[in-house]
PDB file of N, CA and C in Angstrom:
ATOM      1  N   MET A   1      15.752   9.346   9.299  1.00  0.00           N
ATOM      2  CA  MET A   1      15.270   9.201  10.659  1.00  0.00           C
ATOM      3  C   MET A   1      14.810   7.988  10.986  1.00  0.00           C
ATOM      4  N   LYS A   2      14.281   7.581  12.411  1.00  0.00           N
ATOM      5  CA  LYS A   2      14.214   6.379  13.008  1.00  0.00           C
ATOM      6  C   LYS A   2      12.623   6.125  12.953  1.00  0.00           C
ATOM      7  N   ILE A   3      12.563   4.555  12.852  1.00  0.00           N
ATOM      8  CA  ILE A   3      11.295   3.963  12.705  1.00  0.00           C
ATOM      9  C   ILE A   3       9.837   4.803  13.168  1.00  0.00           C
ATOM     10  N   GLY A   4      10.282   5.601  14.818  1.00  0.00           N
ATOM     11  CA  GLY A   4       8.978   5.786  15.243  1.00  0.00           C
ATOM     12  C   GLY A   4       9.061   7.348  14.639  1.00  0.00           C
ATOM     13  N   GLU A   5       9.811   8.051  14.375  1.00  0.00           N
ATOM     14  CA  GLU A   5       9.423   9.389  13.626  1.00  0.00           C
ATOM     15  C   GLU A   5       8.716   9.122  12.142  1.00  0.00           C
ATOM     16  N   ILE A   6       9.115   8.182  11.668  1.00  0.00           N
ATOM     17  CA  ILE A   6       8.297   7.944  10.473  1.00  0.00           C
ATOM     18  C   ILE A   6       7.403   7.427  10.419  1.00  0.00           C
ATOM     19  N   SER A   7       6.954   6.694  11.573  1.00  0.00           N
ATOM     20  CA  SER A   7       5.390   6.102  11.814  1.00  0.00           C
ATOM     21  C   SER A   7       4.674   7.161  12.106  1.00  0.00           C
ATOM     22  N   LYS A   8       5.099   8.418  12.885  1.00  0.00           N
ATOM     23  CA  LYS A   8       4.623   9.421  13.260  1.00  0.00           C
ATOM     24  C   LYS A   8       4.107  10.489  11.942  1.00  0.00           C
ATOM     25  N   ARG A   9       5.315  10.313  10.968  1.00  0.00           N
ATOM     26  CA  ARG A   9       5.233  11.427  10.183  1.00  0.00           C
ATOM     27  C   ARG A   9       4.337  10.214   8.673  1.00  0.00           C
ATOM     28  N   THR A  10       4.276   9.618   8.884  1.00  0.00           N
ATOM     29  CA  THR A  10       3.003   8.556   7.685  1.00  0.00           C
ATOM     30  C   THR A  10       1.928   8.240   8.335  1.00  0.00           C
ATOM     31  N   ASN A  11       1.661   7.890   9.824  1.00  0.00           N
ATOM     32  CA  ASN A  11       0.494   7.537  10.281  1.00  0.00           C
ATOM     33  C   ASN A  11       0.442   6.307   9.983  1.00  0.00           C
ATOM     34  N   ILE A  12       1.390   5.479  10.000  1.00  0.00           N
ATOM     35  CA  ILE A  12       1.124   4.172  10.019  1.00  0.00           C
ATOM     36  C   ILE A  12       2.124   3.535  11.040  1.00  0.00           C
ATOM     37  N   PRO A  13       1.747   2.458  11.410  1.00  0.00           N
ATOM     38  CA  PRO A  13       1.748   1.731  12.832  1.00  0.00           C
ATOM     39  C   PRO A  13       3.150   1.458  12.760  1.00  0.00           C
ATOM     40  N   ILE A  14       3.955   1.273  13.227  1.00  0.00           N
ATOM     41  CA  ILE A  14       5.538   0.834  13.506  1.00  0.00           C
ATOM     42  C   ILE A  14       5.497  -0.508  13.126  1.00  0.00           C
ATOM     43  N   SER A  15       4.311  -1.623  13.660  1.00  0.00           N
ATOM     44  CA  SER A  15       4.527  -2.801  13.221  1.00  0.00           C
ATOM     45  C   SER A  15       4.291  -3.023  12.031  1.00  0.00           C
ATOM     46  N   THR A  16       3.756  -2.051  11.271  1.00  0.00           N
ATOM     47  CA  THR A  16       3.288  -2.320  10.036  1.00  0.00           C
ATOM     48  C   THR A  16       4.288  -1.562   8.871  1.00  0.00           C
ATOM     49  N   ILE A  17       4.990  -1.187   9.597  1.00  0.00           N
ATOM     50  CA  ILE A  17       6.430  -0.897   8.768  1.00  0.00           C
ATOM     51  C   ILE A  17       7.286  -2.177   9.095  1.00  0.00           C
ATOM     52  N   ARG A  18       7.539  -2.229  10.187  1.00  0.00           N
ATOM     53  CA  ARG A  18       8.440  -3.991  10.130  1.00  0.00           C
ATOM     54  C   ARG A  18       8.238  -4.653   9.276  1.00  0.00           C
ATOM     55  N   PHE A  19       6.455  -4.838   9.459  1.00  0.00           N
ATOM     56  CA  PHE A  19       5.886  -5.954   8.380  1.00  0.00           C
ATOM     57  C   PHE A  19       6.741  -5.604   7.426  1.00  0.00           C
ATOM     58  N   TYR A  20       6.572  -4.585   6.741  1.00  0.00           N
ATOM     59  CA  TYR A  20       6.910  -4.382   5.463  1.00  0.00           C
ATOM     60  C   TYR A  20       8.290  -4.322   4.915  1.00  0.00           C
ATOM     61  N   ASP A  21       9.271  -4.057   6.025  1.00  0.00           N
ATOM     62  CA  ASP A  21      10.654  -3.955   5.831  1.00  0.00           C
ATOM     63  C   ASP A  21      10.908  -6.008   5.705  1.00  0.00           C
ATOM     64  N   SER A  22      10.403  -6.542   6.888  1.00  0.00           N
ATOM     65  CA  SER A  22      10.110  -8.085   6.779  1.00  0.00           C
ATOM     66  C   SER A  22       9.958  -8.721   5.378  1.00  0.00           C
ATOM     67  N   GLN A  23       9.124  -8.368   4.675  1.00  0.00           N
ATOM     68  CA  GLN A  23       8.514  -8.514   3.376  1.00  0.00           C
ATOM     69  C   GLN A  23       9.208  -8.154   2.060  1.00  0.00           C
ATOM     70  N   GLN A  24      10.294  -7.296   2.447  1.00  0.00           N
ATOM     71  CA  GLN A  24      11.415  -6.507   1.515  1.00  0.00           C
ATOM     72  C   GLN A  24      10.447  -5.472   0.480  1.00  0.00           C
ATOM     73  N   LEU A  25       9.865  -5.000   1.424  1.00  0.00           N
ATOM     74  CA  LEU A  25       8.699  -4.209   0.249  1.00  0.00           C
ATOM     75  C   LEU A  25       9.502  -2.445  -0.073  1.00  0.00           C
ATOM     76  N   ILE A  26      10.550  -2.362   0.997  1.00  0.00           N
ATOM     77  CA  ILE A  26      10.969  -1.257   1.240  1.00  0.00           C
ATOM     78  C   ILE A  26      12.534  -1.399   0.502  1.00  0.00           C
ATOM     79  N   PRO A  27      12.769  -0.763  -0.797  1.00  0.00           N
ATOM     80  CA  PRO A  27      13.887  -0.866  -0.976  1.00  0.00           C
ATOM     81  C   PRO A  27      14.923   0.395  -0.340  1.00  0.00           C
ATOM     82  N   PRO A  28      16.547  -0.064  -0.770  1.00  0.00           N
ATOM     83  CA  PRO A  28      17.284   0.036   0.199  1.00  0.00           C
ATOM     84  C   PRO A  28      17.865   1.538  -0.296  1.00  0.00           C
ATOM     85  N   ALA A  29      17.042   2.212  -1.148  1.00  0.00           N
ATOM     86  CA  ALA A  29      17.341   3.386  -1.596  1.00  0.00           C
ATOM     87  C   ALA A  29      16.279   4.393  -0.120  1.00  0.00           C
ATOM     88  N   TYR A  30      15.108   3.788   0.370  1.00  0.00           N
ATOM     89  CA  TYR A  30      14.898   4.347   1.369  1.00  0.00           C
ATOM     90  C   TYR A  30      14.833   4.011   2.656  1.00  0.00           C
ATOM     91  N   MET A  31      15.435   3.193   2.825  1.00  0.00           N
ATOM     92  CA  MET A  31      15.826   2.154   4.082  1.00  0.00           C
ATOM     93  C   MET A  31      17.093   1.933   4.240  1.00  0.00           C
ATOM     94  N   ARG A  32      17.807   2.263   5.409  1.00  0.00           N
ATOM     95  CA  ARG A  32      19.270   1.199   5.885  1.00  0.00           C
ATOM     96  C   ARG A  32      19.211   0.624   6.942  1.00  0.00           C
ATOM     97  N   ARG A  33      20.053  -0.239   7.113  1.00  0.00           N
ATOM     98  CA  ARG A  33      20.171  -0.666   8.572  1.00  0.00           C
ATOM     99  C   ARG A  33      21.464  -0.191   9.077  1.00  0.00           C
ATOM    100  N   LEU A  34      21.365   0.586  10.430  1.00  0.00           N
ATOM    101  CA  LEU A  34      22.748   1.081  11.045  1.00  0.00           C
ATOM    102  C   LEU A  34      23.627  -0.283  11.942  1.00  0.00           C
ATOM    103  N   GLU A  35      24.858   0.070  12.322  1.00  0.00           N
ATOM    104  CA  GLU A  35      25.673  -1.079  12.667  1.00  0.00           C
ATOM    105  C   GLU A  35      24.806  -1.554  13.980  1.00  0.00           C
ATOM    106  N   ASN A  36      23.887  -1.077  14.474  1.00  0.00           N
ATOM    107  CA  ASN A  36      22.949  -1.487  16.182  1.00  0.00           C
ATOM    108  C   ASN A  36      21.795  -2.337  15.487  1.00  0.00           C
ATOM    109  N   GLN A  37      21.633  -2.215  13.945  1.00  0.00           N
ATOM    110  CA  GLN A  37      20.696  -3.070  13.745  1.00  0.00           C
ATOM    111  C   GLN A  37      19.037  -2.116  13.509  1.00  0.00           C
ATOM    112  N   GLN A  38      19.065  -0.884  13.685  1.00  0.00           N
ATOM    113  CA  GLN A  38      18.230   0.101  13.813  1.00  0.00           C
ATOM    114  C   GLN A  38      17.879   0.676  12.396  1.00  0.00           C
ATOM    115  N   ARG A  39      16.893   0.500  12.162  1.00  0.00           N
ATOM    116  CA  ARG A  39      16.242   1.043  10.970  1.00  0.00           C
ATOM    117  C   ARG A  39      16.926   2.288  10.509  1.00  0.00           C
ATOM    118  N   ASP A  40      17.127   3.048   9.751  1.00  0.00           N
ATOM    119  CA  ASP A  40      17.412   4.542   9.473  1.00  0.00           C
ATOM    120  C   ASP A  40      16.696   4.727   8.116  1.00  0.00           C
ATOM    121  N   PHE A  41      15.742   5.308   7.863  1.00  0.00           N
ATOM    122  CA  PHE A  41      14.774   5.955   6.981  1.00  0.00           C
ATOM    123  C   PHE A  41      15.136   7.323   6.069  1.00  0.00           C
ATOM    124  N   THR A  42      15.059   7.427   4.931  1.00  0.00           N
ATOM    125  CA  THR A  42      15.071   8.753   4.381  1.00  0.00           C
ATOM    126  C   THR A  42      14.314   9.453   4.398  1.00  0.00           C
ATOM    127  N   GLU A  43      14.004  10.921   3.961  1.00  0.00           N
ATOM    128  CA  GLU A  43      13.115  11.807   3.826  1.00  0.00           C
ATOM    129  C   GLU A  43      11.946  11.112   2.956  1.00  0.00           C
ATOM    130  N   ASP A  44      12.817  10.884   1.456  1.00  0.00           N
ATOM    131  CA  ASP A  44      12.004   9.933   0.361  1.00  0.00           C
ATOM    132  C   ASP A  44      11.134   8.687   0.576  1.00  0.00           C
ATOM    133  N   ALA A  45      11.640   8.174   1.785  1.00  0.00           N
ATOM    134  CA  ALA A  45      10.982   7.127   2.147  1.00  0.00           C
ATOM    135  C   ALA A  45       9.128   7.127   2.942  1.00  0.00           C
ATOM    136  N   ILE A  46       9.157   8.512   3.151  1.00  0.00           N
ATOM    137  CA  ILE A  46       7.846   9.220   3.354  1.00  0.00           C
ATOM    138  C   ILE A  46       6.837   8.880   2.621  1.00  0.00           C
ATOM    139  N   PRO A  47       6.674   9.454   1.649  1.00  0.00           N
ATOM    140  CA  PRO A  47       5.754   9.479   0.455  1.00  0.00           C
ATOM    141  C   PRO A  47       5.759   7.935  -0.365  1.00  0.00           C
ATOM    142  N   PHE A  48       6.682   7.209  -0.187  1.00  0.00           N
ATOM    143  CA  PHE A  48       6.844   5.937  -0.735  1.00  0.00           C
ATOM    144  C   PHE A  48       5.999   4.937   0.359  1.00  0.00           C
ATOM    145  N   LEU A  49       6.293   5.105   1.555  1.00  0.00           N
ATOM    146  CA  LEU A  49       5.583   4.167   2.398  1.00  0.00           C
ATOM    147  C   LEU A  49       3.839   4.127   2.622  1.00  0.00           C
ATOM    148  N   ILE A  50       3.624   5.731   2.409  1.00  0.00           N
ATOM    149  CA  ILE A  50       2.161   6.215   2.223  1.00  0.00           C
ATOM    150  C   ILE A  50       1.453   5.226   0.863  1.00  0.00           C
ATOM    151  N   LYS A  51       2.195   5.879  -0.120  1.00  0.00           N
ATOM    152  CA  LYS A  51       1.897   5.114  -1.528  1.00  0.00           C
ATOM    153  C   LYS A  51       1.605   3.487  -1.213  1.00  0.00           C
ATOM    154  N   ILE A  52       2.801   2.542  -0.564  1.00  0.00           N
ATOM    155  CA  ILE A  52       2.645   1.260  -0.764  1.00  0.00           C
ATOM    156  C   ILE A  52       1.379   0.913   0.149  1.00  0.00           C
ATOM    157  N   HIS A  53       1.505   1.766   1.720  1.00  0.00           N
ATOM    158  CA  HIS A  53       0.325   1.367   2.452  1.00  0.00           C
ATOM    159  C   HIS A  53      -1.286   1.364   1.507  1.00  0.00           C
ATOM    160  N   ASN A  54      -1.480   2.537   1.105  1.00  0.00           N
ATOM    161  CA  ASN A  54      -2.516   3.085   0.283  1.00  0.00           C
ATOM    162  C   ASN A  54      -2.917   2.123  -0.597  1.00  0.00           C
ATOM    163  N   VAL A  55      -1.817   1.246  -1.274  1.00  0.00           N
ATOM    164  CA  VAL A  55      -2.290   0.049  -2.568  1.00  0.00           C
ATOM    165  C   VAL A  55      -2.525  -1.008  -1.795  1.00  0.00           C
ATOM    166  N   ILE A  56      -1.946  -1.220  -0.780  1.00  0.00           N
ATOM    167  CA  ILE A  56      -2.174  -2.602  -0.171  1.00  0.00           C
ATOM    168  C   ILE A  56      -3.625  -2.417   0.519  1.00  0.00           C
ATOM    169  N   LYS A  57      -4.082  -1.267   0.792  1.00  0.00           N
ATOM    170  CA  LYS A  57      -5.676  -1.141   1.865  1.00  0.00           C
ATOM    171  C   LYS A  57      -6.505  -1.238   0.361  1.00  0.00           C
ATOM    172  N   ALA A  58      -5.755  -0.837  -0.458  1.00  0.00           N
ATOM    173  CA  ALA A  58      -6.760  -1.064  -1.918  1.00  0.00           C
ATOM    174  C   ALA A  58      -7.139  -2.458  -2.305  1.00  0.00           C
ATOM    175  N   GLY A  59      -6.194  -2.920  -1.371  1.00  0.00           N
ATOM    176  CA  GLY A  59      -6.809  -4.457  -1.790  1.00  0.00           C
ATOM    177  C   GLY A  59      -5.448  -5.090  -2.409  1.00  0.00           C
ATOM    178  N   VAL A  60      -4.533  -4.619  -3.048  1.00  0.00           N
ATOM    179  CA  VAL A  60      -3.665  -5.487  -3.709  1.00  0.00           C
ATOM    180  C   VAL A  60      -2.798  -6.548  -2.621  1.00  0.00           C
ATOM    181  N   LEU A  61      -2.297  -7.424  -3.005  1.00  0.00           N
ATOM    182  CA  LEU A  61      -1.586  -8.413  -1.929  1.00  0.00           C
ATOM    183  C   LEU A  61      -0.138  -8.090  -2.108  1.00  0.00           C
ATOM    184  N   ILE A  62       0.269  -8.774  -0.915  1.00  0.00           N
ATOM    185  CA  ILE A  62       1.683  -8.297  -0.700  1.00  0.00           C
ATOM    186  C   ILE A  62       2.927  -8.758  -1.969  1.00  0.00           C
ATOM    187  N   GLU A  63       2.511 -10.273  -2.292  1.00  0.00           N
ATOM    188  CA  GLU A  63       3.125 -10.607  -3.527  1.00  0.00           C
ATOM    189  C   GLU A  63       3.291 -10.076  -4.637  1.00  0.00           C
ATOM    190  N   GLU A  64       1.816  -9.317  -5.043  1.00  0.00           N
ATOM    191  CA  GLU A  64       1.653  -8.725  -6.071  1.00  0.00           C
ATOM    192  C   GLU A  64       2.738  -7.219  -5.660  1.00  0.00           C
ATOM    193  N   LEU A  65       2.547  -6.938  -4.775  1.00  0.00           N
ATOM    194  CA  LEU A  65       3.321  -5.345  -4.615  1.00  0.00           C
ATOM    195  C   LEU A  65       4.638  -5.577  -4.739  1.00  0.00           C
ATOM    196  N   LYS A  66       5.071  -6.534  -4.477  1.00  0.00           N
ATOM    197  CA  LYS A  66       6.744  -6.897  -4.680  1.00  0.00           C
ATOM    198  C   LYS A  66       7.121  -6.546  -6.088  1.00  0.00           C
ATOM    199  N   SER A  67       6.073  -7.188  -6.973  1.00  0.00           N
ATOM    200  CA  SER A  67       6.191  -7.102  -8.333  1.00  0.00           C
ATOM    201  C   SER A  67       6.393  -5.533  -8.925  1.00  0.00           C
ATOM    202  N   LEU A  68       5.448  -4.946  -8.097  1.00  0.00           N
ATOM    203  CA  LEU A  68       5.209  -3.367  -8.716  1.00  0.00           C
ATOM    204  C   LEU A  68       6.275  -2.459  -8.436  1.00  0.00           C
ATOM    205  N   VAL A  69       7.087  -3.073  -7.065  1.00  0.00           N
ATOM    206  CA  VAL A  69       8.084  -2.071  -6.477  1.00  0.00           C
ATOM    207  C   VAL A  69       9.788  -2.551  -6.845  1.00  0.00           C
ATOM    208  N   ASN A  70       9.661  -3.267  -7.945  1.00  0.00           N
ATOM    209  CA  ASN A  70      10.941  -3.678  -8.573  1.00  0.00           C
ATOM    210  C   ASN A  70      11.279  -2.547  -9.025  1.00  0.00           C
ATOM    211  N   PRO A  71      12.787  -2.645  -8.775  1.00  0.00           N
ATOM    212  CA  PRO A  71      13.453  -1.534  -9.229  1.00  0.00           C
ATOM    213  C   PRO A  71      13.832  -1.436 -10.783  1.00  0.00           C
ATOM    214  N   ASP A  72      14.327  -2.308 -11.373  1.00  0.00           N
ATOM    215  CA  ASP A  72      14.793  -2.748 -12.961  1.00  0.00           C
ATOM    216  C   ASP A  72      13.881  -3.761 -13.355  1.00  0.00           C
ATOM    217  N   PRO A  73      12.654  -3.546 -13.729  1.00  0.00           N
ATOM    218  CA  PRO A  73      11.783  -4.720 -14.280  1.00  0.00           C
ATOM    219  C   PRO A  73      11.952  -4.918 -15.838  1.00  0.00           C
ATOM    220  N   THR A  74      12.047  -6.182 -15.857  1.00  0.00           N
ATOM    221  CA  THR A  74      12.283  -6.715 -17.425  1.00  0.00           C
ATOM    222  C   THR A  74      10.789  -6.276 -18.075  1.00  0.00           C
ATOM    223  N   PRO A  75      11.158  -6.209 -19.378  1.00  0.00           N
ATOM    224  CA  PRO A  75       9.347  -5.708 -20.683  1.00  0.00           C
ATOM    225  C   PRO A  75       8.824  -6.840 -20.058  1.00  0.00           C
ATOM    226  N   GLU A  76       8.953  -7.935 -19.613  1.00  0.00           N
ATOM    227  CA  GLU A  76       8.255  -8.971 -19.330  1.00  0.00           C
ATOM    228  C   GLU A  76       7.375  -8.824 -17.901  1.00  0.00           C
ATOM    229  N   VAL A  77       8.276  -8.316 -17.196  1.00  0.00           N
ATOM    230  CA  VAL A  77       7.722  -8.013 -15.518  1.00  0.00           C
ATOM    231  C   VAL A  77       7.049  -6.882 -16.224  1.00  0.00           C
ATOM    232  N   ILE A  78       7.039  -5.907 -16.489  1.00  0.00           N
ATOM    233  CA  ILE A  78       6.243  -4.334 -16.865  1.00  0.00           C
ATOM    234  C   ILE A  78       5.468  -4.943 -17.605  1.00  0.00           C
ATOM    235  N   GLN A  79       5.072  -5.936 -18.550  1.00  0.00           N
ATOM    236  CA  GLN A  79       3.694  -6.133 -19.056  1.00  0.00           C
ATOM    237  C   GLN A  79       2.968  -7.060 -17.881  1.00  0.00           C
ATOM    238  N   GLN A  80       3.401  -8.051 -17.002  1.00  0.00           N
ATOM    239  CA  GLN A  80       2.656  -8.569 -15.981  1.00  0.00           C
ATOM    240  C   GLN A  80       2.214  -7.015 -14.911  1.00  0.00           C
ATOM    241  N   GLN A  81       3.058  -6.308 -14.817  1.00  0.00           N
ATOM    242  CA  GLN A  81       2.460  -5.279 -14.168  1.00  0.00           C
ATOM    243  C   GLN A  81       1.620  -4.591 -14.364  1.00  0.00           C
ATOM    244  N   VAL A  82       1.361  -4.164 -15.886  1.00  0.00           N
ATOM    245  CA  VAL A  82       0.398  -3.891 -16.281  1.00  0.00           C
ATOM    246  C   VAL A  82      -1.019  -4.246 -16.228  1.00  0.00           C
ATOM    247  N   ARG A  83      -1.003  -5.536 -16.291  1.00  0.00           N
ATOM    248  CA  ARG A  83      -1.824  -6.673 -16.323  1.00  0.00           C
ATOM    249  C   ARG A  83      -2.563  -6.727 -14.772  1.00  0.00           C
ATOM    250  N   LEU A  84      -1.725  -6.543 -13.595  1.00  0.00           N
ATOM    251  CA  LEU A  84      -2.033  -6.170 -12.410  1.00  0.00           C
ATOM    252  C   LEU A  84      -2.314  -5.191 -11.563  1.00  0.00           C
ATOM    253  N   ILE A  85      -2.104  -4.022 -12.306  1.00  0.00           N
ATOM    254  CA  ILE A  85      -2.759  -2.953 -12.134  1.00  0.00           C
ATOM    255  C   ILE A  85      -4.211  -2.862 -12.910  1.00  0.00           C
ATOM    256  N   LYS A  86      -4.243  -3.096 -13.966  1.00  0.00           N
ATOM    257  CA  LYS A  86      -5.445  -3.277 -14.579  1.00  0.00           C
ATOM    258  C   LYS A  86      -6.752  -3.661 -14.037  1.00  0.00           C
ATOM    259  N   GLN A  87      -6.168  -5.187 -12.995  1.00  0.00           N
ATOM    260  CA  GLN A  87      -6.990  -5.843 -12.599  1.00  0.00           C
ATOM    261  C   GLN A  87      -7.365  -5.735 -11.191  1.00  0.00           C
ATOM    262  N   ASN A  88      -6.276  -4.948 -10.777  1.00  0.00           N
ATOM    263  CA  ASN A  88      -6.718  -4.265  -9.398  1.00  0.00           C
ATOM    264  C   ASN A  88      -7.899  -2.671  -9.684  1.00  0.00           C
ATOM    265  N   ILE A  89      -7.593  -2.419 -10.851  1.00  0.00           N
ATOM    266  CA  ILE A  89      -8.350  -0.959 -10.658  1.00  0.00           C
ATOM    267  C   ILE A  89      -9.852  -1.748 -11.474  1.00  0.00           C
ATOM    268  N   GLU A  90      -9.873  -2.722 -11.920  1.00  0.00           N
ATOM    269  CA  GLU A  90     -11.308  -3.145 -12.079  1.00  0.00           C
ATOM    270  C   GLU A  90     -11.664  -3.701 -10.494  1.00  0.00           C
ATOM    271  N   LEU A  91     -11.256  -4.305  -9.856  1.00  0.00           N
ATOM    272  CA  LEU A  91     -11.486  -4.733  -8.526  1.00  0.00           C
ATOM    273  C   LEU A  91     -12.223  -3.798  -7.709  1.00  0.00           C
ATOM    274  N   ILE A  92     -11.030  -2.515  -7.626  1.00  0.00           N
ATOM    275  CA  ILE A  92     -11.885  -1.492  -6.979  1.00  0.00           C
ATOM    276  C   ILE A  92     -12.359  -0.778  -7.161  1.00  0.00           C
ATOM    277  N   THR A  93     -13.212  -0.711  -8.945  1.00  0.00           N
ATOM    278  CA  THR A  93     -14.360   0.039  -9.508  1.00  0.00           C
ATOM    279  C   THR A  93     -15.671  -0.848  -8.820  1.00  0.00           C
ATOM    280  N   GLU A  94     -15.334  -2.349  -8.988  1.00  0.00           N
ATOM    281  CA  GLU A  94     -16.290  -3.354  -8.568  1.00  0.00           C
ATOM    282  C   GLU A  94     -16.792  -3.020  -7.234  1.00  0.00           C
ATOM    283  N   LYS A  95     -16.005  -2.860  -6.109  1.00  0.00           N
ATOM    284  CA  LYS A  95     -15.842  -2.437  -4.841  1.00  0.00           C
ATOM    285  C   LYS A  95     -16.807  -1.388  -4.444  1.00  0.00           C
ATOM    286  N   GLN A  96     -16.246  -0.316  -5.499  1.00  0.00           N
ATOM    287  CA  GLN A  96     -16.756   0.955  -5.372  1.00  0.00           C
ATOM    288  C   GLN A  96     -18.418   0.744  -5.837  1.00  0.00           C
ATOM    289  N   GLY A  97     -18.827  -0.183  -6.531  1.00  0.00           N
ATOM    290  CA  GLY A  97     -19.991  -0.153  -6.996  1.00  0.00           C
ATOM    291  C   GLY A  97     -20.913  -0.490  -6.096  1.00  0.00           C
ATOM    292  N   ASN A  98     -20.379  -1.800  -5.475  1.00  0.00           N
ATOM    293  CA  ASN A  98     -21.158  -2.681  -4.389  1.00  0.00           C
ATOM    294  C   ASN A  98     -21.051  -1.719  -3.208  1.00  0.00           C
ATOM    295  N   LEU A  99     -20.149  -0.924  -2.668  1.00  0.00           N
ATOM    296  CA  LEU A  99     -20.659   0.224  -1.496  1.00  0.00           C
ATOM    297  C   LEU A  99     -21.645   1.197  -2.053  1.00  0.00           C
ATOM    298  N   GLN A 100     -21.445   1.565  -3.135  1.00  0.00           N
ATOM    299  CA  GLN A 100     -22.430   2.629  -3.351  1.00  0.00           C
ATOM    300  C   GLN A 100     -23.761   1.985  -3.664  1.00  0.00           C
ATOM    301  N   GLU A 101     -23.989   0.619  -4.061  1.00  0.00           N
ATOM    302  CA  GLU A 101     -25.227  -0.204  -3.966  1.00  0.00           C
ATOM    303  C   GLU A 101     -25.746  -0.061  -2.584  1.00  0.00           C
ATOM    304  N   ALA A 102     -24.678  -0.450  -1.443  1.00  0.00           N
ATOM    305  CA  ALA A 102     -25.001  -0.887  -0.005  1.00  0.00           C
ATOM    306  C   ALA A 102     -25.543   0.230   0.592  1.00  0.00           C
ATOM    307  N   LYS A 103     -24.605   1.766   0.100  1.00  0.00           N
ATOM    308  CA  LYS A 103     -25.274   2.724   0.562  1.00  0.00           C
ATOM    309  C   LYS A 103     -26.440   3.116   0.244  1.00  0.00           C
ATOM    310  N   SER A 104     -26.988   3.138  -0.982  1.00  0.00           N
ATOM    311  CA  SER A 104     -28.279   3.577  -1.647  1.00  0.00           C
ATOM    312  C   SER A 104     -29.334   2.718  -1.069  1.00  0.00           C
ATOM    313  N   PHE A 105     -29.209   1.171  -0.469  1.00  0.00           N
ATOM    314  CA  PHE A 105     -29.628   0.587   0.268  1.00  0.00           C
ATOM    315  C   PHE A 105     -30.158   1.208   1.668  1.00  0.00           C
ATOM    316  N   LEU A 106     -28.887   1.397   2.455  1.00  0.00           N
ATOM    317  CA  LEU A 106     -29.170   1.633   3.719  1.00  0.00           C
ATOM    318  C   LEU A 106     -29.774   2.686   3.944  1.00  0.00           C
ATOM    319  N   SER A 107     -29.567   3.920   2.740  1.00  0.00           N
ATOM    320  CA  SER A 107     -30.293   5.333   2.582  1.00  0.00           C
ATOM    321  C   SER A 107     -31.555   5.307   2.430  1.00  0.00           C
ATOM    322  N   SER A 108     -32.050   4.054   1.826  1.00  0.00           N
ATOM    323  CA  SER A 108     -33.620   4.248   1.668  1.00  0.00           C
ATOM    324  C   SER A 108     -34.101   3.619   2.648  1.00  0.00           C
ATOM    325  N   LEU A 109     -33.583   2.998   3.426  1.00  0.00           N
ATOM    326  CA  LEU A 109     -34.344   2.002   4.915  1.00  0.00           C
ATOM    327  C   LEU A 109     -34.154   3.008   5.796  1.00  0.00           C
ATOM    328  N   LEU A 110     -33.153   3.766   6.012  1.00  0.00           N
ATOM    329  CA  LEU A 110     -33.308   5.177   6.568  1.00  0.00           C
ATOM    330  C   LEU A 110     -34.972   6.417   6.421  1.00  0.00           C
ATOM    331  N   ASN A 111     -34.684   6.573   4.950  1.00  0.00           N
ATOM    332  CA  ASN A 111     -35.710   7.454   4.498  1.00  0.00           C
ATOM    333  C   ASN A 111     -36.951   6.474   5.363  1.00  0.00           C
ATOM    334  N   GLU A 112     -37.258   5.481   4.608  1.00  0.00           N
ATOM    335  CA  GLU A 112     -38.442   4.588   5.191  1.00  0.00           C
ATOM    336  C   GLU A 112     -38.517   5.071   6.409  1.00  0.00           C
ATOM    337  N   ARG A 113     -37.761   5.001   7.548  1.00  0.00           N
ATOM    338  CA  ARG A 113     -37.943   4.969   9.189  1.00  0.00           C
ATOM    339  C   ARG A 113     -38.417   6.785   9.098  1.00  0.00           C
ATOM    340  N   ASP A 114     -38.155   7.799   8.504  1.00  0.00           N
ATOM    341  CA  ASP A 114     -38.143   9.197   8.805  1.00  0.00           C
ATOM    342  C   ASP A 114     -39.904   9.211   8.589  1.00  0.00           C
TER     343      ASP A 114
END
């Protein structure tokens, strides 16, 4: 499927998908180049792109993500991936706590105004 269709089906902008491709985040199993250089995506690319898009939105850096999508990781790379995942889970948990505190603060301000 062409990039416009996969963009509609994933709700990811075309420019973002092109960026992911330029950063080599999309494995050949999910996308190939046609003779005219257009991208041709497989059906399996849909859940993959949604996952990496959500991971990036959660704060994982592109360079970190490249390590996570490695199709043939060595045992050392797997250990590195586990550390990276745990670190990012901790960061997300911290962000959630900060957001909850901000929400509570704003709610208390709102209640004072009522």
